[in-house]
């Protein structure tokens, strides 16, 4: 390169977000209609705005990552449970930036959605996001799951309870299952290394009134093996559950020794 010669700039590829989301979802058998595509673009923009200027909601900030690791990863729920356009109640525990509950609501507008997160800033983000998306029939609670599960308005009231990133399996089971109505499901997003753990906690799952029905496998845009664990509620959870968070974590540590 000669002195003074201008370096030619390599053009940066700009993703057509809605087209990319639609095609990426179609590639794994998920159809996203035009109106939801517009809502997902608004969702992405609000998420990136808050993530940059207000609170760290996610480490994934590029459009491709948001499409696959957040939106499609949430929508796989509809394939795992063969969801059609019907009414159901869904509680999303530890919702964070709204995954998987809000994407599911965007795709299935007639569901009743409840979002719960213990962090005030995240709950505030959700309260701001929902009107921007024009979503109704959604409630946001800034609360701890193990405390809310003892409230009769919530206990065993939901067809589905989702927990996408909520720590260890016994914590998921003990806090999540008390919300699920008999005949409903607790849905957990897990990796391959987690699957063997469910056999270890088979007795706890049974004591809480449930059993593992299926490890639903799926893949995104990488080589990671992912699963939605479908835990079916067969009978009422004993009133002593969930225990306090401190008691649950002590029990986990004790069993790990």
C-alpha atoms as a PDB file:
ATOM      1  CA  UNK A   1       0.000   0.000   0.000  1.00  0.00           C
ATOM      2  CA  UNK A   2       1.476   3.371  -1.057  1.00  0.00           C
ATOM      3  CA  UNK A   3       1.926   6.194   1.422  1.00  0.00           C
ATOM      4  CA  UNK A   4      -1.125   8.453   1.340  1.00  0.00           C
ATOM      5  CA  UNK A   5      -3.287   5.881  -0.445  1.00  0.00           C
ATOM      6  CA  UNK A   6      -6.704   5.464   1.174  1.00  0.00           C
ATOM      7  CA  UNK A   7      -7.548   2.019   2.464  1.00  0.00           C
ATOM      8  CA  UNK A   8     -10.736   0.695   0.902  1.00  0.00           C
ATOM      9  CA  UNK A   9     -13.347  -0.005   3.520  1.00  0.00           C
ATOM     10  CA  UNK A  10     -14.941  -3.450   3.606  1.00  0.00           C
ATOM     11  CA  UNK A  11     -18.730  -2.948   3.683  1.00  0.00           C
ATOM     12  CA  UNK A  12     -20.371  -4.181   6.858  1.00  0.00           C
ATOM     13  CA  UNK A  13     -23.246  -6.585   6.222  1.00  0.00           C
ATOM     14  CA  UNK A  14     -26.452  -5.270   7.727  1.00  0.00           C
ATOM     15  CA  UNK A  15     -28.914  -7.941   8.745  1.00  0.00           C
ATOM     16  CA  UNK A  16     -32.540  -7.509   7.683  1.00  0.00           C
ATOM     17  CA  UNK A  17     -33.690  -8.452  11.171  1.00  0.00           C
ATOM     18  CA  UNK A  18     -37.246  -9.510  10.409  1.00  0.00           C
ATOM     19  CA  UNK A  19     -36.253 -11.517   7.340  1.00  0.00           C
ATOM     20  CA  UNK A  20     -33.412 -13.184   9.227  1.00  0.00           C
ATOM     21  CA  UNK A  21     -35.680 -14.087  12.156  1.00  0.00           C
ATOM     22  CA  UNK A  22     -38.396 -15.469   9.874  1.00  0.00           C
ATOM     23  CA  UNK A  23     -35.989 -17.599   7.831  1.00  0.00           C
ATOM     24  CA  UNK A  24     -34.069 -18.807  10.890  1.00  0.00           C
ATOM     25  CA  UNK A  25     -37.286 -19.840  12.631  1.00  0.00           C
ATOM     26  CA  UNK A  26     -38.557 -21.561   9.493  1.00  0.00           C
ATOM     27  CA  UNK A  27     -35.315 -23.551   9.285  1.00  0.00           C
ATOM     28  CA  UNK A  28     -36.235 -25.415  12.473  1.00  0.00           C
ATOM     29  CA  UNK A  29     -39.939 -25.667  11.765  1.00  0.00           C
ATOM     30  CA  UNK A  30     -41.258 -22.574  13.559  1.00  0.00           C
ATOM     31  CA  UNK A  31     -43.481 -20.136  11.656  1.00  0.00           C
ATOM     32  CA  UNK A  32     -43.492 -16.470  12.719  1.00  0.00           C
ATOM     33  CA  UNK A  33     -46.195 -14.301  11.134  1.00  0.00           C
ATOM     34  CA  UNK A  34     -45.784 -10.679   9.965  1.00  0.00           C
ATOM     35  CA  UNK A  35     -47.256  -8.920  13.022  1.00  0.00           C
ATOM     36  CA  UNK A  36     -45.131 -10.876  15.513  1.00  0.00           C
ATOM     37  CA  UNK A  37     -42.053 -10.130  13.375  1.00  0.00           C
ATOM     38  CA  UNK A  38     -42.676  -6.403  13.861  1.00  0.00           C
ATOM     39  CA  UNK A  39     -43.059  -6.932  17.599  1.00  0.00           C
ATOM     40  CA  UNK A  40     -39.846  -8.937  17.814  1.00  0.00           C
ATOM     41  CA  UNK A  41     -37.966  -6.088  16.120  1.00  0.00           C
ATOM     42  CA  UNK A  42     -39.333  -3.604  18.673  1.00  0.00           C
ATOM     43  CA  UNK A  43     -38.403  -6.059  21.447  1.00  0.00           C
ATOM     44  CA  UNK A  44     -34.846  -6.314  20.126  1.00  0.00           C
ATOM     45  CA  UNK A  45     -34.477  -2.528  19.941  1.00  0.00           C
ATOM     46  CA  UNK A  46     -35.784  -1.914  23.477  1.00  0.00           C
ATOM     47  CA  UNK A  47     -33.589  -4.723  24.830  1.00  0.00           C
ATOM     48  CA  UNK A  48     -30.449  -3.270  23.234  1.00  0.00           C
ATOM     49  CA  UNK A  49     -31.322   0.252  24.372  1.00  0.00           C
ATOM     50  CA  UNK A  50     -31.737  -0.790  28.003  1.00  0.00           C
ATOM     51  CA  UNK A  51     -28.761  -3.121  27.910  1.00  0.00           C
ATOM     52  CA  UNK A  52     -26.521  -0.261  26.757  1.00  0.00           C
ATOM     53  CA  UNK A  53     -27.780   2.601  28.891  1.00  0.00           C
ATOM     54  CA  UNK A  54     -29.579   1.292  31.973  1.00  0.00           C
ATOM     55  CA  UNK A  55     -29.062  -2.270  33.181  1.00  0.00           C
ATOM     56  CA  UNK A  56     -27.133  -5.323  32.020  1.00  0.00           C
ATOM     57  CA  UNK A  57     -29.933  -7.614  30.889  1.00  0.00           C
ATOM     58  CA  UNK A  58     -27.992  -9.930  28.589  1.00  0.00           C
ATOM     59  CA  UNK A  59     -24.435 -10.596  27.422  1.00  0.00           C
ATOM     60  CA  UNK A  60     -25.796 -11.345  23.945  1.00  0.00           C
ATOM     61  CA  UNK A  61     -26.050  -8.065  22.048  1.00  0.00           C
ATOM     62  CA  UNK A  62     -25.662  -8.874  18.334  1.00  0.00           C
ATOM     63  CA  UNK A  63     -28.788  -9.338  16.235  1.00  0.00           C
ATOM     64  CA  UNK A  64     -27.961 -12.910  15.212  1.00  0.00           C
ATOM     65  CA  UNK A  65     -27.373 -13.902  18.815  1.00  0.00           C
ATOM     66  CA  UNK A  66     -30.615 -12.294  19.946  1.00  0.00           C
ATOM     67  CA  UNK A  67     -32.534 -14.112  17.200  1.00  0.00           C
ATOM     68  CA  UNK A  68     -31.192 -17.567  18.022  1.00  0.00           C
ATOM     69  CA  UNK A  69     -30.169 -17.510  21.693  1.00  0.00           C
ATOM     70  CA  UNK A  70     -33.193 -15.560  22.924  1.00  0.00           C
ATOM     71  CA  UNK A  71     -36.128 -15.504  20.513  1.00  0.00           C
ATOM     72  CA  UNK A  72     -35.920 -18.885  18.791  1.00  0.00           C
ATOM     73  CA  UNK A  73     -34.618 -20.581  21.936  1.00  0.00           C
ATOM     74  CA  UNK A  74     -37.810 -19.374  23.634  1.00  0.00           C
ATOM     75  CA  UNK A  75     -40.130 -20.328  20.771  1.00  0.00           C
ATOM     76  CA  UNK A  76     -38.876 -23.933  20.741  1.00  0.00           C
ATOM     77  CA  UNK A  77     -41.326 -24.312  23.643  1.00  0.00           C
ATOM     78  CA  UNK A  78     -44.162 -24.436  21.090  1.00  0.00           C
ATOM     79  CA  UNK A  79     -42.542 -27.400  19.330  1.00  0.00           C
ATOM     80  CA  UNK A  80     -41.734 -29.265  22.526  1.00  0.00           C
ATOM     81  CA  UNK A  81     -45.336 -29.091  23.711  1.00  0.00           C
ATOM     82  CA  UNK A  82     -47.010 -29.060  20.259  1.00  0.00           C
ATOM     83  CA  UNK A  83     -48.729 -25.779  21.095  1.00  0.00           C
ATOM     84  CA  UNK A  84     -51.463 -24.594  18.756  1.00  0.00           C
ATOM     85  CA  UNK A  85     -53.347 -21.310  18.955  1.00  0.00           C
ATOM     86  CA  UNK A  86     -55.221 -22.098  22.163  1.00  0.00           C
ATOM     87  CA  UNK A  87     -55.656 -20.408  25.503  1.00  0.00           C
ATOM     88  CA  UNK A  88     -53.463 -21.427  28.423  1.00  0.00           C
ATOM     89  CA  UNK A  89     -51.873 -19.914  31.498  1.00  0.00           C
ATOM     90  CA  UNK A  90     -48.100 -19.570  31.697  1.00  0.00           C
ATOM     91  CA  UNK A  91     -45.878 -18.433  34.543  1.00  0.00           C
ATOM     92  CA  UNK A  92     -42.296 -17.511  33.648  1.00  0.00           C
ATOM     93  CA  UNK A  93     -40.074 -17.686  36.743  1.00  0.00           C
ATOM     94  CA  UNK A  94     -36.809 -15.746  36.824  1.00  0.00           C
ATOM     95  CA  UNK A  95     -37.932 -14.046  33.638  1.00  0.00           C
ATOM     96  CA  UNK A  96     -35.026 -11.590  33.443  1.00  0.00           C
ATOM     97  CA  UNK A  97     -35.378  -9.780  30.120  1.00  0.00           C
ATOM     98  CA  UNK A  98     -38.544 -11.745  29.387  1.00  0.00           C
ATOM     99  CA  UNK A  99     -37.274 -15.064  28.081  1.00  0.00           C
ATOM    100  CA  UNK A 100     -38.988 -17.350  27.298  1.00  0.00           C
ATOM    101  CA  UNK A 101     -42.332 -15.888  28.408  1.00  0.00           C
ATOM    102  CA  UNK A 102     -42.574 -12.752  26.263  1.00  0.00           C
ATOM    103  CA  UNK A 103     -41.595 -14.403  22.931  1.00  0.00           C
ATOM    104  CA  UNK A 104     -44.165 -17.131  23.620  1.00  0.00           C
ATOM    105  CA  UNK A 105     -46.791 -14.450  24.315  1.00  0.00           C
ATOM    106  CA  UNK A 106     -45.898 -12.649  21.077  1.00  0.00           C
ATOM    107  CA  UNK A 107     -46.438 -15.866  19.138  1.00  0.00           C
ATOM    108  CA  UNK A 108     -49.593 -16.891  21.043  1.00  0.00           C
ATOM    109  CA  UNK A 109     -51.429 -13.684  21.878  1.00  0.00           C
ATOM    110  CA  UNK A 110     -54.411 -15.252  23.657  1.00  0.00           C
ATOM    111  CA  UNK A 111     -52.441 -16.838  26.510  1.00  0.00           C
ATOM    112  CA  UNK A 112     -52.445 -15.440  30.036  1.00  0.00           C
ATOM    113  CA  UNK A 113     -48.848 -14.674  30.969  1.00  0.00           C
ATOM    114  CA  UNK A 114     -47.328 -13.965  34.374  1.00  0.00           C
ATOM    115  CA  UNK A 115     -43.695 -12.837  34.619  1.00  0.00           C
ATOM    116  CA  UNK A 116     -41.774 -13.056  37.891  1.00  0.00           C
ATOM    117  CA  UNK A 117     -38.294 -11.754  38.663  1.00  0.00           C
ATOM    118  CA  UNK A 118     -36.682 -11.006  42.010  1.00  0.00           C
ATOM    119  CA  UNK A 119     -34.569  -8.124  40.658  1.00  0.00           C
ATOM    120  CA  UNK A 120     -36.386  -4.783  40.648  1.00  0.00           C
ATOM    121  CA  UNK A 121     -34.560  -3.382  37.598  1.00  0.00           C
ATOM    122  CA  UNK A 122     -35.477  -6.396  35.487  1.00  0.00           C
ATOM    123  CA  UNK A 123     -39.111  -6.249  36.578  1.00  0.00           C
ATOM    124  CA  UNK A 124     -39.112  -2.541  35.671  1.00  0.00           C
ATOM    125  CA  UNK A 125     -37.735  -3.349  32.207  1.00  0.00           C
ATOM    126  CA  UNK A 126     -40.566  -5.824  31.663  1.00  0.00           C
ATOM    127  CA  UNK A 127     -43.162  -3.286  32.828  1.00  0.00           C
ATOM    128  CA  UNK A 128     -41.794  -0.778  30.298  1.00  0.00           C
ATOM    129  CA  UNK A 129     -41.404  -3.325  27.478  1.00  0.00           C
ATOM    130  CA  UNK A 130     -44.934  -4.759  27.493  1.00  0.00           C
ATOM    131  CA  UNK A 131     -46.784  -1.514  26.547  1.00  0.00           C
ATOM    132  CA  UNK A 132     -44.196  -0.888  23.822  1.00  0.00           C
ATOM    133  CA  UNK A 133     -45.133  -4.264  22.360  1.00  0.00           C
ATOM    134  CA  UNK A 134     -48.856  -3.640  22.762  1.00  0.00           C
ATOM    135  CA  UNK A 135     -49.275  -6.799  24.816  1.00  0.00           C
ATOM    136  CA  UNK A 136     -52.187  -7.193  27.193  1.00  0.00           C
ATOM    137  CA  UNK A 137     -53.223  -9.892  29.641  1.00  0.00           C
ATOM    138  CA  UNK A 138     -49.704  -9.959  31.124  1.00  0.00           C
ATOM    139  CA  UNK A 139     -48.773  -9.399  34.778  1.00  0.00           C
ATOM    140  CA  UNK A 140     -45.296  -8.626  36.135  1.00  0.00           C
ATOM    141  CA  UNK A 141     -44.281  -9.329  39.726  1.00  0.00           C
ATOM    142  CA  UNK A 142     -41.072  -8.276  41.419  1.00  0.00           C
ATOM    143  CA  UNK A 143     -40.978 -11.156  43.890  1.00  0.00           C
ATOM    144  CA  UNK A 144     -39.099 -14.255  44.939  1.00  0.00           C
ATOM    145  CA  UNK A 145     -40.555 -17.464  43.551  1.00  0.00           C
ATOM    146  CA  UNK A 146     -40.345 -19.438  46.784  1.00  0.00           C
ATOM    147  CA  UNK A 147     -42.402 -16.742  48.543  1.00  0.00           C
ATOM    148  CA  UNK A 148     -44.979 -16.290  45.778  1.00  0.00           C
ATOM    149  CA  UNK A 149     -45.543 -20.053  45.598  1.00  0.00           C
ATOM    150  CA  UNK A 150     -47.223 -19.941  49.001  1.00  0.00           C
ATOM    151  CA  UNK A 151     -49.801 -17.402  47.831  1.00  0.00           C
ATOM    152  CA  UNK A 152     -53.125 -19.139  47.082  1.00  0.00           C
ATOM    153  CA  UNK A 153     -53.631 -16.855  44.049  1.00  0.00           C
ATOM    154  CA  UNK A 154     -50.625 -18.491  42.398  1.00  0.00           C
ATOM    155  CA  UNK A 155     -50.232 -21.934  43.893  1.00  0.00           C
ATOM    156  CA  UNK A 156     -51.137 -24.697  41.427  1.00  0.00           C
ATOM    157  CA  UNK A 157     -52.820 -22.215  39.083  1.00  0.00           C
ATOM    158  CA  UNK A 158     -50.781 -22.527  35.863  1.00  0.00           C
ATOM    159  CA  UNK A 159     -50.881 -24.869  32.887  1.00  0.00           C
ATOM    160  CA  UNK A 160     -47.189 -24.225  32.231  1.00  0.00           C
ATOM    161  CA  UNK A 161     -44.337 -22.893  34.345  1.00  0.00           C
ATOM    162  CA  UNK A 162     -41.154 -22.038  32.459  1.00  0.00           C
ATOM    163  CA  UNK A 163     -37.684 -21.628  33.943  1.00  0.00           C
ATOM    164  CA  UNK A 164     -35.035 -20.934  31.325  1.00  0.00           C
ATOM    165  CA  UNK A 165     -32.069 -19.980  33.506  1.00  0.00           C
ATOM    166  CA  UNK A 166     -32.691 -20.561  37.170  1.00  0.00           C
ATOM    167  CA  UNK A 167     -29.736 -22.403  38.630  1.00  0.00           C
ATOM    168  CA  UNK A 168     -29.574 -25.967  39.863  1.00  0.00           C
ATOM    169  CA  UNK A 169     -32.168 -28.646  39.139  1.00  0.00           C
ATOM    170  CA  UNK A 170     -33.415 -29.204  42.739  1.00  0.00           C
ATOM    171  CA  UNK A 171     -33.972 -25.449  42.978  1.00  0.00           C
ATOM    172  CA  UNK A 172     -35.952 -25.516  39.721  1.00  0.00           C
ATOM    173  CA  UNK A 173     -38.041 -28.437  40.907  1.00  0.00           C
ATOM    174  CA  UNK A 174     -38.842 -27.238  44.411  1.00  0.00           C
ATOM    175  CA  UNK A 175     -39.669 -23.652  43.471  1.00  0.00           C
ATOM    176  CA  UNK A 176     -41.308 -24.322  40.102  1.00  0.00           C
ATOM    177  CA  UNK A 177     -43.615 -27.298  40.702  1.00  0.00           C
ATOM    178  CA  UNK A 178     -45.816 -25.731  43.435  1.00  0.00           C
ATOM    179  CA  UNK A 179     -47.098 -23.248  40.807  1.00  0.00           C
ATOM    180  CA  UNK A 180     -48.090 -25.958  38.297  1.00  0.00           C
ATOM    181  CA  UNK A 181     -51.680 -27.171  38.326  1.00  0.00           C
ATOM    182  CA  UNK A 182     -52.277 -30.922  38.331  1.00  0.00           C
ATOM    183  CA  UNK A 183     -52.058 -32.052  34.716  1.00  0.00           C
ATOM    184  CA  UNK A 184     -49.750 -29.162  33.808  1.00  0.00           C
ATOM    185  CA  UNK A 185     -46.043 -28.958  33.081  1.00  0.00           C
ATOM    186  CA  UNK A 186     -42.843 -27.459  34.397  1.00  0.00           C
ATOM    187  CA  UNK A 187     -40.556 -26.701  31.424  1.00  0.00           C
ATOM    188  CA  UNK A 188     -36.810 -26.429  32.047  1.00  0.00           C
ATOM    189  CA  UNK A 189     -34.149 -25.397  29.510  1.00  0.00           C
ATOM    190  CA  UNK A 190     -31.098 -27.602  30.110  1.00  0.00           C
ATOM    191  CA  UNK A 191     -27.885 -28.848  28.511  1.00  0.00           C
ATOM    192  CA  UNK A 192     -26.752 -32.419  27.900  1.00  0.00           C
ATOM    193  CA  UNK A 193     -24.608 -32.522  31.037  1.00  0.00           C
ATOM    194  CA  UNK A 194     -27.685 -31.775  33.163  1.00  0.00           C
ATOM    195  CA  UNK A 195     -29.765 -34.760  32.076  1.00  0.00           C
ATOM    196  CA  UNK A 196     -28.153 -37.358  34.339  1.00  0.00           C
ATOM    197  CA  UNK A 197     -28.980 -35.132  37.332  1.00  0.00           C
ATOM    198  CA  UNK A 198     -32.703 -35.727  36.911  1.00  0.00           C
ATOM    199  CA  UNK A 199     -32.331 -39.389  37.831  1.00  0.00           C
ATOM    200  CA  UNK A 200     -30.517 -38.280  40.981  1.00  0.00           C
ATOM    201  CA  UNK A 201     -33.517 -36.140  41.980  1.00  0.00           C
ATOM    202  CA  UNK A 202     -36.208 -38.591  40.880  1.00  0.00           C
ATOM    203  CA  UNK A 203     -37.497 -39.083  44.434  1.00  0.00           C
ATOM    204  CA  UNK A 204     -37.696 -35.325  45.075  1.00  0.00           C
ATOM    205  CA  UNK A 205     -39.596 -34.788  41.827  1.00  0.00           C
ATOM    206  CA  UNK A 206     -42.026 -37.558  42.800  1.00  0.00           C
ATOM    207  CA  UNK A 207     -42.476 -36.155  46.308  1.00  0.00           C
ATOM    208  CA  UNK A 208     -43.388 -32.790  44.784  1.00  0.00           C
ATOM    209  CA  UNK A 209     -46.062 -34.484  42.698  1.00  0.00           C
ATOM    210  CA  UNK A 210     -44.459 -34.948  39.303  1.00  0.00           C
ATOM    211  CA  UNK A 211     -42.361 -37.054  36.961  1.00  0.00           C
ATOM    212  CA  UNK A 212     -40.092 -36.347  34.003  1.00  0.00           C
ATOM    213  CA  UNK A 213     -42.052 -37.051  30.832  1.00  0.00           C
ATOM    214  CA  UNK A 214     -39.476 -36.224  28.148  1.00  0.00           C
ATOM    215  CA  UNK A 215     -36.122 -34.662  27.359  1.00  0.00           C
ATOM    216  CA  UNK A 216     -37.027 -32.774  24.183  1.00  0.00           C
ATOM    217  CA  UNK A 217     -33.859 -32.288  22.061  1.00  0.00           C
ATOM    218  CA  UNK A 218     -33.287 -29.332  19.769  1.00  0.00           C
ATOM    219  CA  UNK A 219     -30.473 -27.329  18.201  1.00  0.00           C
ATOM    220  CA  UNK A 220     -29.882 -23.717  17.252  1.00  0.00           C
ATOM    221  CA  UNK A 221     -27.077 -22.241  15.124  1.00  0.00           C
ATOM    222  CA  UNK A 222     -24.218 -24.057  16.847  1.00  0.00           C
ATOM    223  CA  UNK A 223     -23.150 -27.555  17.871  1.00  0.00           C
ATOM    224  CA  UNK A 224     -24.464 -27.344  21.440  1.00  0.00           C
ATOM    225  CA  UNK A 225     -26.970 -30.048  22.405  1.00  0.00           C
ATOM    226  CA  UNK A 226     -29.970 -28.484  24.096  1.00  0.00           C
ATOM    227  CA  UNK A 227     -33.086 -29.889  25.742  1.00  0.00           C
ATOM    228  CA  UNK A 228     -36.398 -28.744  27.122  1.00  0.00           C
ATOM    229  CA  UNK A 229     -37.159 -31.011  30.058  1.00  0.00           C
ATOM    230  CA  UNK A 230     -40.901 -31.676  30.331  1.00  0.00           C
ATOM    231  CA  UNK A 231     -41.879 -32.372  33.944  1.00  0.00           C
ATOM    232  CA  UNK A 232     -45.525 -33.483  34.221  1.00  0.00           C
ATOM    233  CA  UNK A 233     -47.500 -32.654  37.378  1.00  0.00           C
ATOM    234  CA  UNK A 234     -49.573 -35.664  38.395  1.00  0.00           C
ATOM    235  CA  UNK A 235     -50.730 -34.833  41.905  1.00  0.00           C
ATOM    236  CA  UNK A 236     -50.796 -32.023  44.460  1.00  0.00           C
ATOM    237  CA  UNK A 237     -47.501 -30.728  45.870  1.00  0.00           C
ATOM    238  CA  UNK A 238     -47.284 -31.091  49.687  1.00  0.00           C
ATOM    239  CA  UNK A 239     -47.838 -27.802  51.505  1.00  0.00           C
ATOM    240  CA  UNK A 240     -44.397 -27.840  53.109  1.00  0.00           C
ATOM    241  CA  UNK A 241     -42.885 -27.040  49.697  1.00  0.00           C
ATOM    242  CA  UNK A 242     -41.197 -24.881  48.696  1.00  0.00           C
ATOM    243  CA  UNK A 243     -38.921 -24.441  51.648  1.00  0.00           C
ATOM    244  CA  UNK A 244     -36.996 -21.191  52.125  1.00  0.00           C
ATOM    245  CA  UNK A 245     -34.279 -20.409  49.599  1.00  0.00           C
ATOM    246  CA  UNK A 246     -31.597 -20.765  52.288  1.00  0.00           C
ATOM    247  CA  UNK A 247     -32.912 -24.186  53.314  1.00  0.00           C
ATOM    248  CA  UNK A 248     -33.006 -25.401  49.709  1.00  0.00           C
ATOM    249  CA  UNK A 249     -29.444 -24.246  49.016  1.00  0.00           C
ATOM    250  CA  UNK A 250     -28.171 -25.847  52.241  1.00  0.00           C
ATOM    251  CA  UNK A 251     -29.792 -29.107  51.195  1.00  0.00           C
ATOM    252  CA  UNK A 252     -28.144 -28.890  47.774  1.00  0.00           C
ATOM    253  CA  UNK A 253     -24.718 -28.320  49.325  1.00  0.00           C
ATOM    254  CA  UNK A 254     -25.218 -31.190  51.754  1.00  0.00           C
ATOM    255  CA  UNK A 255     -26.174 -33.626  48.982  1.00  0.00           C
ATOM    256  CA  UNK A 256     -23.196 -32.522  46.890  1.00  0.00           C
ATOM    257  CA  UNK A 257     -20.706 -33.693  49.509  1.00  0.00           C
END
